[in-house]
């Protein structure tokens, strides 16, 4: 007998996100093996303890970038989209199914404001004093040129190659 399934997309369901991630999933194994709490300690001095808005968990942001590197997701916008729809990614970074995923600009704002002059991202890029360029993890040189304004460098490299 022919039958169609009723539309159940609007149903309210109670879900245990832990059960949705397979036991043998790579991210589950990584989470069991690596203690990411060191990131909170390394970044704590970069945040005000009693002033300003509450921050996003730096461990969560690091884990999001870790997923991007692990699965070859180069774009931070694409990374946010993938975390939005992938239950295993959400579980790994500590988001429930209804928690909003941080905006992709969060990464660039942290790089530009909070982590500038720190070693947080510096380990990813190597500086060559002779050539006066940075080399990204993909071994591409990121060059720049100086503009009219004193002491301001406008980067003219293609960051998507990294």
Protein backbone atom coordinates (compact mmCIF):
# COMPACT_ATOMS: atom_id res chain seq x y z
CA UNK A 1 0.00 0.00 0.00
CA UNK A 2 1.33 3.44 -1.01
CA UNK A 3 1.85 5.88 1.83
CA UNK A 4 3.62 9.22 2.28
CA UNK A 5 5.41 10.21 5.44
CA UNK A 6 3.85 13.06 7.36
CA UNK A 7 5.94 16.22 7.61
CA UNK A 8 7.59 16.12 11.05
CA UNK A 9 10.04 18.97 10.63
CA UNK A 10 8.03 21.23 12.92
CA UNK A 11 7.92 18.73 15.79
CA UNK A 12 9.51 19.54 19.11
CA UNK A 13 11.90 16.80 20.14
CA UNK A 14 14.14 16.16 23.10
CA UNK A 15 17.56 15.06 21.90
CA UNK A 16 20.71 14.06 23.74
CA UNK A 17 23.45 15.43 21.47
CA UNK A 18 25.95 12.94 22.93
CA UNK A 19 24.00 10.09 21.29
CA UNK A 20 24.09 11.76 17.87
CA UNK A 21 27.90 11.61 17.60
CA UNK A 22 29.19 8.10 16.82
CA UNK A 23 31.57 6.53 19.35
CA UNK A 24 34.27 6.06 16.70
CA UNK A 25 34.09 9.62 15.32
CA UNK A 26 37.48 11.31 14.93
CA UNK A 27 36.43 14.39 16.90
CA UNK A 28 35.29 12.22 19.80
CA UNK A 29 38.71 10.54 19.87
CA UNK A 30 40.48 13.91 19.74
CA UNK A 31 38.30 15.25 22.56
CA UNK A 32 39.16 12.23 24.72
CA UNK A 33 42.89 12.57 24.00
CA UNK A 34 43.59 16.33 24.11
CA UNK A 35 42.86 18.58 27.07
CA UNK A 36 42.15 21.99 25.52
CA UNK A 37 41.91 23.81 28.86
CA UNK A 38 45.43 25.22 28.42
CA UNK A 39 43.99 27.65 25.87
CA UNK A 40 41.83 29.33 28.50
CA UNK A 41 44.87 29.87 30.71
CA UNK A 42 47.00 31.24 27.85
CA UNK A 43 44.31 33.70 26.75
CA UNK A 44 43.02 34.79 30.19
CA UNK A 45 45.45 37.78 30.43
CA UNK A 46 44.09 39.10 27.11
CA UNK A 47 40.61 39.65 28.56
CA UNK A 48 39.42 42.11 31.19
CA UNK A 49 38.34 40.26 34.36
CA UNK A 50 35.63 42.73 35.37
CA UNK A 51 34.96 45.16 32.53
CA UNK A 52 33.17 44.96 29.18
CA UNK A 53 30.90 42.38 27.63
CA UNK A 54 31.26 38.69 28.39
CA UNK A 55 33.58 37.02 25.90
CA UNK A 56 33.05 33.96 23.79
CA UNK A 57 34.90 30.98 25.19
CA UNK A 58 38.41 31.07 23.65
CA UNK A 59 38.55 27.26 23.84
CA UNK A 60 35.43 27.10 21.66
CA UNK A 61 36.94 29.52 19.14
CA UNK A 62 40.16 27.51 19.04
CA UNK A 63 38.25 24.27 18.56
CA UNK A 64 36.33 25.87 15.70
CA UNK A 65 39.60 26.79 13.98
CA UNK A 66 40.93 23.32 14.76
CA UNK A 67 37.98 21.80 12.89
CA UNK A 68 38.76 24.07 9.95
CA UNK A 69 42.38 22.92 9.82
CA UNK A 70 41.50 19.27 10.39
CA UNK A 71 38.87 19.09 7.66
CA UNK A 72 40.47 21.54 5.22
CA UNK A 73 37.83 24.27 5.57
CA UNK A 74 39.80 27.36 4.55
CA UNK A 75 37.10 29.99 4.76
CA UNK A 76 35.93 31.12 8.19
CA UNK A 77 32.48 31.83 6.75
CA UNK A 78 32.31 28.32 5.37
CA UNK A 79 33.52 26.98 8.72
CA UNK A 80 30.66 28.73 10.53
CA UNK A 81 28.18 27.30 8.00
CA UNK A 82 29.56 23.79 8.49
CA UNK A 83 29.42 24.04 12.28
CA UNK A 84 25.85 25.32 11.98
CA UNK A 85 24.68 22.09 10.30
CA UNK A 86 27.09 19.39 11.52
CA UNK A 87 26.10 17.81 14.83
CA UNK A 88 29.57 16.35 15.48
CA UNK A 89 31.18 19.76 15.01
CA UNK A 90 28.64 21.35 17.38
CA UNK A 91 29.27 18.65 19.97
CA UNK A 92 33.07 19.09 19.72
CA UNK A 93 32.98 22.86 20.25
CA UNK A 94 30.39 22.60 23.05
CA UNK A 95 27.31 24.02 21.33
CA UNK A 96 23.83 22.59 21.72
CA UNK A 97 21.57 22.20 18.70
CA UNK A 98 19.89 25.52 19.46
CA UNK A 99 22.96 27.58 20.44
CA UNK A 100 23.91 30.20 17.86
CA UNK A 101 27.27 29.69 16.15
CA UNK A 102 29.57 32.72 16.54
CA UNK A 103 29.71 35.00 13.50
CA UNK A 104 32.65 34.50 11.14
CA UNK A 105 33.87 38.04 11.82
CA UNK A 106 34.61 37.00 15.41
CA UNK A 107 37.85 35.39 14.23
CA UNK A 108 39.10 38.40 12.31
CA UNK A 109 38.11 40.81 15.09
CA UNK A 110 40.03 38.75 17.65
CA UNK A 111 43.07 38.57 15.38
CA UNK A 112 42.94 42.30 14.72
CA UNK A 113 42.15 43.55 18.21
CA UNK A 114 42.62 41.11 21.04
CA UNK A 115 45.49 38.92 19.86
CA UNK A 116 47.59 41.51 18.05
CA UNK A 117 51.15 41.51 19.36
CA UNK A 118 50.70 38.17 21.12
CA UNK A 119 51.97 34.69 20.39
CA UNK A 120 48.47 33.27 19.92
CA UNK A 121 48.58 33.28 16.12
CA UNK A 122 52.26 33.95 15.69
CA UNK A 123 53.24 30.28 15.73
CA UNK A 124 51.32 29.80 12.47
CA UNK A 125 53.36 32.33 10.48
CA UNK A 126 57.13 32.63 10.15
CA UNK A 127 58.75 36.02 9.57
CA UNK A 128 61.73 36.32 7.20
CA UNK A 129 63.69 39.45 8.11
CA UNK A 130 65.78 39.43 4.92
CA UNK A 131 62.78 39.41 2.60
CA UNK A 132 60.55 41.29 5.08
CA UNK A 133 57.64 38.88 4.48
CA UNK A 134 55.63 36.36 6.47
CA UNK A 135 55.25 32.75 5.36
CA UNK A 136 51.92 31.12 6.14
CA UNK A 137 51.44 27.45 7.16
CA UNK A 138 50.83 26.52 3.50
CA UNK A 139 54.35 27.85 2.73
CA UNK A 140 53.16 30.89 0.76
CA UNK A 141 54.77 34.29 1.20
CA UNK A 142 52.43 37.04 2.35
CA UNK A 143 53.79 40.32 1.07
CA UNK A 144 52.61 43.84 1.77
CA UNK A 145 53.18 47.39 0.60
CA UNK A 146 53.28 50.60 2.58
CA UNK A 147 50.60 53.22 1.93
CA UNK A 148 50.70 57.00 2.28
CA UNK A 149 49.83 56.99 5.96
CA UNK A 150 52.75 56.87 8.36
CA UNK A 151 53.40 53.42 9.80
CA UNK A 152 50.38 51.77 8.22
CA UNK A 153 50.81 48.65 6.11
CA UNK A 154 48.17 47.55 3.69
CA UNK A 155 48.45 43.84 3.01
CA UNK A 156 48.18 42.94 -0.64
CA UNK A 157 48.53 39.20 -0.33
CA UNK A 158 45.91 36.59 -1.01
CA UNK A 159 45.09 35.01 2.38
CA UNK A 160 42.99 32.32 0.72
CA UNK A 161 46.17 30.53 -0.38
CA UNK A 162 46.83 29.65 3.25
